[in-house]
Amino acid sequence: MGVVAFVLLACALVLIAGVEWPRISAKVGSDARAGRKRARRKEALTVIEGEAGRDDDFQASVERDLANLPVLEETDDDRTQRQ
């Protein structure tokens, strides 16, 4: 009876390890190490507040660029004529 219980216990452990493998590999694998390394690098970053004048210049530049974009003429297709 002891051998059967040991085999069932081993099968249960293999089944649990198989089900939990994605979670285990995420914590132990090389991807996890890279993720922790990236998190440490991100912690060292600081936010630099910009100047108010530069934001206005940037916004004016974007608006000017958008105004200068070419616009395609709308064409009458069959869908509008059927209505």
Protein backbone atom coordinates (compact mmCIF):
# COMPACT_ATOMS: atom_id res chain seq x y z
CA MET A 1 0.00 0.00 0.00
CA GLY A 2 2.90 2.35 0.67
CA VAL A 3 4.15 2.15 -2.93
CA VAL A 4 0.73 3.05 -4.34
CA ALA A 5 0.45 6.06 -2.02
CA PHE A 6 3.95 7.18 -3.00
CA VAL A 7 3.10 6.90 -6.73
CA LEU A 8 -0.15 8.83 -6.26
CA LEU A 9 1.69 11.52 -4.30
CA ALA A 10 4.33 11.79 -7.02
CA CYS A 11 1.64 12.06 -9.70
CA ALA A 12 -0.12 14.78 -7.73
CA LEU A 13 3.13 16.75 -7.39
CA VAL A 14 3.83 16.42 -11.13
CA LEU A 15 0.27 17.55 -11.92
CA ILE A 16 0.53 20.58 -9.63
CA ALA A 17 3.93 21.52 -11.05
CA GLY A 18 2.55 21.25 -14.59
CA VAL A 19 -0.43 23.46 -13.83
CA GLU A 20 1.64 26.07 -11.99
CA TRP A 21 4.58 26.03 -14.42
CA PRO A 22 3.82 29.40 -16.11
CA ARG A 23 3.75 31.13 -12.73
CA ILE A 24 6.88 29.34 -11.53
CA SER A 25 8.86 30.08 -14.69
CA ALA A 26 7.83 33.75 -14.57
CA LYS A 27 9.34 34.11 -11.11
CA VAL A 28 12.46 32.01 -11.62
CA GLY A 29 13.32 32.20 -15.33
CA SER A 30 15.63 34.54 -17.20
CA ASP A 31 12.67 36.71 -18.22
CA ALA A 32 11.96 37.33 -14.55
CA ARG A 33 15.57 38.34 -13.98
CA ALA A 34 15.38 40.77 -16.89
CA GLY A 35 12.11 42.17 -15.54
CA ARG A 36 13.59 42.76 -12.12
CA LYS A 37 16.64 44.38 -13.70
CA ARG A 38 14.40 46.68 -15.76
CA ALA A 39 12.38 47.57 -12.66
CA ARG A 40 15.56 48.60 -10.85
CA ARG A 41 16.60 50.80 -13.78
CA LYS A 42 13.16 52.42 -13.88
CA GLU A 43 13.33 53.21 -10.15
CA ALA A 44 16.48 55.24 -10.80
CA LEU A 45 14.74 57.46 -13.36
CA THR A 46 13.49 60.89 -12.36
CA VAL A 47 10.84 63.10 -13.93
CA ILE A 48 12.08 66.47 -15.15
CA GLU A 49 9.44 69.15 -15.31
CA GLY A 50 9.50 71.16 -18.55
CA GLU A 51 9.29 74.89 -18.93
CA ALA A 52 5.87 76.40 -19.64
CA GLY A 53 7.12 78.36 -22.67
CA ARG A 54 8.46 75.27 -24.34
CA ASP A 55 5.09 73.54 -24.02
CA ASP A 56 3.37 76.45 -25.76
CA ASP A 57 5.97 76.43 -28.53
CA PHE A 58 5.51 72.71 -29.00
CA GLN A 59 1.73 73.01 -29.13
CA ALA A 60 1.95 75.83 -31.69
CA SER A 61 4.38 73.76 -33.76
CA VAL A 62 2.04 70.75 -33.76
CA GLU A 63 -0.96 72.88 -34.71
CA ARG A 64 1.03 74.49 -37.52
CA ASP A 65 2.14 71.07 -38.82
CA LEU A 66 -1.43 69.75 -38.70
CA ALA A 67 -2.69 72.76 -40.60
CA ASN A 68 -0.07 72.17 -43.33
CA LEU A 69 -0.97 68.51 -43.87
CA PRO A 70 -2.41 67.71 -47.30
CA VAL A 71 -6.12 66.93 -47.32
CA LEU A 72 -7.66 64.47 -49.76
CA GLU A 73 -10.86 65.43 -51.52
CA GLU A 74 -13.90 63.33 -50.60
CA THR A 75 -15.16 61.27 -53.49
CA ASP A 76 -18.74 60.30 -54.18
CA ASP A 77 -18.91 56.54 -54.03
CA ASP A 78 -21.79 54.21 -54.72
CA ARG A 79 -22.85 53.98 -51.08
CA THR A 80 -23.85 57.67 -50.89
CA GLN A 81 -25.75 57.57 -54.17
CA ARG A 82 -27.91 54.58 -53.12
CA GLN A 83 -29.41 56.35 -50.13
